[in-house]
Amino acid sequence: MLPKYNLKREEIFITTKFSLAEKNNSEHTRKMVDESLKNLRTEYLDLVLIHYPKADISKNNDPRNQENRKDAYLELEKLKGDHFNIMNTKYDQ
């Protein structure tokens, strides 16, 4: 698509988003980012969003949610993204 419109990669901003897993979020995060890089055919992402501050099947008050967010966040710091954020959060999460 970039050559078709005579664009360079650094001229566009690419965002991807994924949901947390119930466990193994470091591995899950790495897998989701790698999958996005492959699907988008790019070497880096400008923004990575975590869809919600818990896994889809976890209850809101599950004590593992905080650890899962932390694991995903720490893994994102290591990976190929310039910015990352967790969507749909409240102050008490």
C-alpha atoms as a PDB file:
ATOM      1  CA  MET A   1       0.000   0.000   0.000  1.00  0.00           C
ATOM      2  CA  LEU A   2       2.803   2.448   0.773  1.00  0.00           C
ATOM      3  CA  PRO A   3       4.400   2.354  -2.709  1.00  0.00           C
ATOM      4  CA  LYS A   4       0.973   2.740  -4.307  1.00  0.00           C
ATOM      5  CA  TYR A   5       0.571   6.122  -2.581  1.00  0.00           C
ATOM      6  CA  ASN A   6       4.263   7.031  -2.704  1.00  0.00           C
ATOM      7  CA  LEU A   7       4.550   6.972   1.101  1.00  0.00           C
ATOM      8  CA  LYS A   8       7.471   6.055   3.311  1.00  0.00           C
ATOM      9  CA  ARG A   9       6.930   4.072   6.498  1.00  0.00           C
ATOM     10  CA  GLU A  10       8.027   6.987   8.672  1.00  0.00           C
ATOM     11  CA  GLU A  11       5.276   9.132   7.114  1.00  0.00           C
ATOM     12  CA  ILE A  12       2.455   7.042   8.565  1.00  0.00           C
ATOM     13  CA  PHE A  13       1.404   6.130  12.111  1.00  0.00           C
ATOM     14  CA  ILE A  14       0.520   2.455  12.663  1.00  0.00           C
ATOM     15  CA  THR A  15      -1.576   1.368  15.648  1.00  0.00           C
ATOM     16  CA  THR A  16      -2.535  -2.131  16.745  1.00  0.00           C
ATOM     17  CA  LYS A  17      -4.679  -3.406  19.603  1.00  0.00           C
ATOM     18  CA  PHE A  18      -5.095  -6.716  21.413  1.00  0.00           C
ATOM     19  CA  SER A  19      -6.764  -8.191  24.493  1.00  0.00           C
ATOM     20  CA  LEU A  20      -4.982  -9.593  27.521  1.00  0.00           C
ATOM     21  CA  ALA A  21      -4.840 -13.335  28.091  1.00  0.00           C
ATOM     22  CA  GLU A  22      -5.912 -14.989  31.331  1.00  0.00           C
ATOM     23  CA  LYS A  23      -2.280 -16.038  32.004  1.00  0.00           C
ATOM     24  CA  ASN A  24       1.196 -15.927  30.415  1.00  0.00           C
ATOM     25  CA  ASN A  25       0.789 -12.302  29.360  1.00  0.00           C
ATOM     26  CA  SER A  26       4.457 -11.734  28.597  1.00  0.00           C
ATOM     27  CA  GLU A  27       4.357 -14.534  26.040  1.00  0.00           C
ATOM     28  CA  HIS A  28       0.883 -13.548  24.797  1.00  0.00           C
ATOM     29  CA  THR A  29       1.923  -9.913  24.377  1.00  0.00           C
ATOM     30  CA  ARG A  30       5.036 -10.874  22.427  1.00  0.00           C
ATOM     31  CA  LYS A  31       2.954 -13.174  20.204  1.00  0.00           C
ATOM     32  CA  MET A  32       0.308 -10.501  19.526  1.00  0.00           C
ATOM     33  CA  VAL A  33       2.915  -7.861  18.658  1.00  0.00           C
ATOM     34  CA  ASP A  34       4.827 -10.267  16.396  1.00  0.00           C
ATOM     35  CA  GLU A  35       1.580 -11.233  14.675  1.00  0.00           C
ATOM     36  CA  SER A  36       0.695  -7.578  14.103  1.00  0.00           C
ATOM     37  CA  LEU A  37       4.158  -6.822  12.722  1.00  0.00           C
ATOM     38  CA  LYS A  38       3.840  -9.723  10.305  1.00  0.00           C
ATOM     39  CA  ASN A  39       0.259  -8.925   9.249  1.00  0.00           C
ATOM     40  CA  LEU A  40       1.014  -5.233   8.783  1.00  0.00           C
ATOM     41  CA  ARG A  41       4.336  -5.980   7.065  1.00  0.00           C
ATOM     42  CA  THR A  42       6.293  -3.511   9.130  1.00  0.00           C
ATOM     43  CA  GLU A  43       9.347  -3.623  11.384  1.00  0.00           C
ATOM     44  CA  TYR A  44       7.889  -1.470  14.149  1.00  0.00           C
ATOM     45  CA  LEU A  45       4.601  -0.177  15.535  1.00  0.00           C
ATOM     46  CA  ASP A  46       3.944   3.396  16.579  1.00  0.00           C
ATOM     47  CA  LEU A  47       1.220   2.604  19.094  1.00  0.00           C
ATOM     48  CA  VAL A  48       0.146  -0.626  20.800  1.00  0.00           C
ATOM     49  CA  LEU A  49      -3.140  -0.617  22.717  1.00  0.00           C
ATOM     50  CA  ILE A  50      -4.351  -3.193  25.194  1.00  0.00           C
ATOM     51  CA  HIS A  51      -8.088  -3.406  24.616  1.00  0.00           C
ATOM     52  CA  TYR A  52      -9.238  -3.748  28.225  1.00  0.00           C
ATOM     53  CA  PRO A  53      -7.408  -3.938  31.594  1.00  0.00           C
ATOM     54  CA  LYS A  54      -8.315  -7.612  32.085  1.00  0.00           C
ATOM     55  CA  ALA A  55      -8.691 -10.795  30.074  1.00  0.00           C
ATOM     56  CA  ASP A  56     -12.071 -11.241  28.396  1.00  0.00           C
ATOM     57  CA  ILE A  57     -12.956 -14.202  30.623  1.00  0.00           C
ATOM     58  CA  SER A  58     -11.666 -12.747  33.911  1.00  0.00           C
ATOM     59  CA  LYS A  59     -13.947 -11.129  36.451  1.00  0.00           C
ATOM     60  CA  ASN A  60     -13.367  -7.429  37.116  1.00  0.00           C
ATOM     61  CA  ASN A  61     -12.218  -8.084  40.692  1.00  0.00           C
ATOM     62  CA  ASP A  62      -9.870 -10.977  39.839  1.00  0.00           C
ATOM     63  CA  PRO A  63      -6.604 -10.254  41.717  1.00  0.00           C
ATOM     64  CA  ARG A  64      -4.602 -11.601  38.752  1.00  0.00           C
ATOM     65  CA  ASN A  65      -5.727  -8.697  36.555  1.00  0.00           C
ATOM     66  CA  GLN A  66      -3.163  -6.310  37.999  1.00  0.00           C
ATOM     67  CA  GLU A  67      -0.324  -8.805  37.543  1.00  0.00           C
ATOM     68  CA  ASN A  68      -1.465  -9.567  33.983  1.00  0.00           C
ATOM     69  CA  ARG A  69      -1.452  -5.852  33.103  1.00  0.00           C
ATOM     70  CA  LYS A  70       1.995  -5.472  34.622  1.00  0.00           C
ATOM     71  CA  ASP A  71       3.384  -8.468  32.697  1.00  0.00           C
ATOM     72  CA  ALA A  72       1.975  -7.172  29.414  1.00  0.00           C
ATOM     73  CA  TYR A  73       3.206  -3.632  30.058  1.00  0.00           C
ATOM     74  CA  LEU A  74       6.734  -4.794  30.932  1.00  0.00           C
ATOM     75  CA  GLU A  75       6.850  -6.929  27.794  1.00  0.00           C
ATOM     76  CA  LEU A  76       5.695  -4.000  25.651  1.00  0.00           C
ATOM     77  CA  GLU A  77       8.585  -1.955  27.001  1.00  0.00           C
ATOM     78  CA  LYS A  78      10.957  -4.564  25.528  1.00  0.00           C
ATOM     79  CA  LEU A  79       9.259  -4.810  22.140  1.00  0.00           C
ATOM     80  CA  LYS A  80       9.013  -2.751  18.991  1.00  0.00           C
ATOM     81  CA  GLY A  81       6.512  -0.084  19.921  1.00  0.00           C
ATOM     82  CA  ASP A  82       7.089   3.585  20.550  1.00  0.00           C
ATOM     83  CA  HIS A  83       3.952   4.108  22.649  1.00  0.00           C
ATOM     84  CA  PHE A  84       1.490   1.860  24.432  1.00  0.00           C
ATOM     85  CA  ASN A  85      -1.621   2.272  26.533  1.00  0.00           C
ATOM     86  CA  ILE A  86      -4.342   0.287  28.265  1.00  0.00           C
ATOM     87  CA  MET A  87      -7.826   1.241  27.095  1.00  0.00           C
ATOM     88  CA  ASN A  88     -11.086   1.445  29.089  1.00  0.00           C
ATOM     89  CA  THR A  89      -9.538   1.890  32.520  1.00  0.00           C
ATOM     90  CA  LYS A  90     -10.895   3.492  35.668  1.00  0.00           C
ATOM     91  CA  TYR A  91      -8.827   4.983  38.457  1.00  0.00           C
ATOM     92  CA  ASP A  92      -9.465   2.053  40.806  1.00  0.00           C
ATOM     93  CA  GLN A  93      -8.163  -0.545  38.341  1.00  0.00           C
END
